[in-house]
């Protein structure tokens, strides 16, 4: 997974979230790091769902239709 993060703080948060052992640890990280952590968490979840739902394939089709 590759994310386009806005700053070093978001990169650090992404690393913390990536190695979190469970959802409770994820919640603690997000609570501690605030808005940047919410953004990173949602970006990571969106990237994961993209891979699971073949949205990349859908984007290719949309690009061809343009």
Protein backbone atom coordinates (compact mmCIF):
# COMPACT_ATOMS: atom_id res chain seq x y z
CA UNK A 1 0.00 0.00 0.00
CA UNK A 2 1.35 3.41 -0.90
CA UNK A 3 -0.19 6.58 0.48
CA UNK A 4 0.44 10.17 -0.54
CA UNK A 5 0.90 11.74 2.88
CA UNK A 6 1.11 15.49 3.49
CA UNK A 7 3.91 15.57 6.06
CA UNK A 8 6.38 13.63 8.22
CA UNK A 9 3.91 13.52 11.11
CA UNK A 10 1.38 11.66 8.96
CA UNK A 11 4.12 9.24 7.85
CA UNK A 12 5.01 8.54 11.48
CA UNK A 13 1.33 7.97 12.33
CA UNK A 14 0.94 5.61 9.36
CA UNK A 15 3.88 3.56 10.63
CA UNK A 16 2.34 3.38 14.09
CA UNK A 17 -1.03 2.31 12.69
CA UNK A 18 0.59 -0.27 10.41
CA UNK A 19 2.18 -2.10 13.35
CA UNK A 20 -0.77 -1.72 15.76
CA UNK A 21 -1.67 -5.08 17.26
CA UNK A 22 -5.43 -4.58 17.54
CA UNK A 23 -8.29 -2.12 17.11
CA UNK A 24 -7.88 -0.86 20.67
CA UNK A 25 -4.30 0.18 19.90
CA UNK A 26 -5.48 1.87 16.69
CA UNK A 27 -8.07 3.85 18.69
CA UNK A 28 -5.39 4.94 21.16
CA UNK A 29 -3.09 6.12 18.37
CA UNK A 30 -5.89 8.06 16.68
CA UNK A 31 -6.99 9.63 19.99
CA UNK A 32 -3.43 10.65 20.86
CA UNK A 33 -2.50 12.15 17.47
CA UNK A 34 -5.77 13.88 16.59
CA UNK A 35 -6.87 15.10 13.14
CA UNK A 36 -3.78 13.92 11.26
CA UNK A 37 -4.32 10.43 12.65
CA UNK A 38 -7.97 10.45 11.54
CA UNK A 39 -6.88 11.40 8.02
CA UNK A 40 -4.19 8.73 7.86
CA UNK A 41 -6.48 6.05 9.29
CA UNK A 42 -9.19 6.78 6.72
CA UNK A 43 -6.64 6.91 3.90
CA UNK A 44 -5.32 3.50 4.95
CA UNK A 45 -8.82 2.05 5.15
CA UNK A 46 -9.76 3.50 1.75
CA UNK A 47 -6.60 2.06 0.18
CA UNK A 48 -7.38 -1.33 1.69
CA UNK A 49 -10.98 -1.29 0.43
CA UNK A 50 -9.72 -0.23 -3.01
CA UNK A 51 -7.62 -3.37 -3.20
CA UNK A 52 -10.47 -5.58 -1.97
CA UNK A 53 -13.13 -4.14 -4.27
CA UNK A 54 -11.09 -3.81 -7.49
CA UNK A 55 -11.69 -0.07 -7.69
CA UNK A 56 -8.41 0.26 -9.59
CA UNK A 57 -10.01 -1.72 -12.40
CA UNK A 58 -13.06 0.53 -12.25
CA UNK A 59 -10.82 3.61 -12.51
CA UNK A 60 -9.17 2.17 -15.63
CA UNK A 61 -12.57 1.74 -17.25
CA UNK A 62 -13.61 5.28 -16.30
CA UNK A 63 -10.37 6.67 -17.75
CA UNK A 64 -10.99 4.82 -21.03
CA UNK A 65 -14.52 6.22 -21.20
CA UNK A 66 -13.24 9.78 -20.86
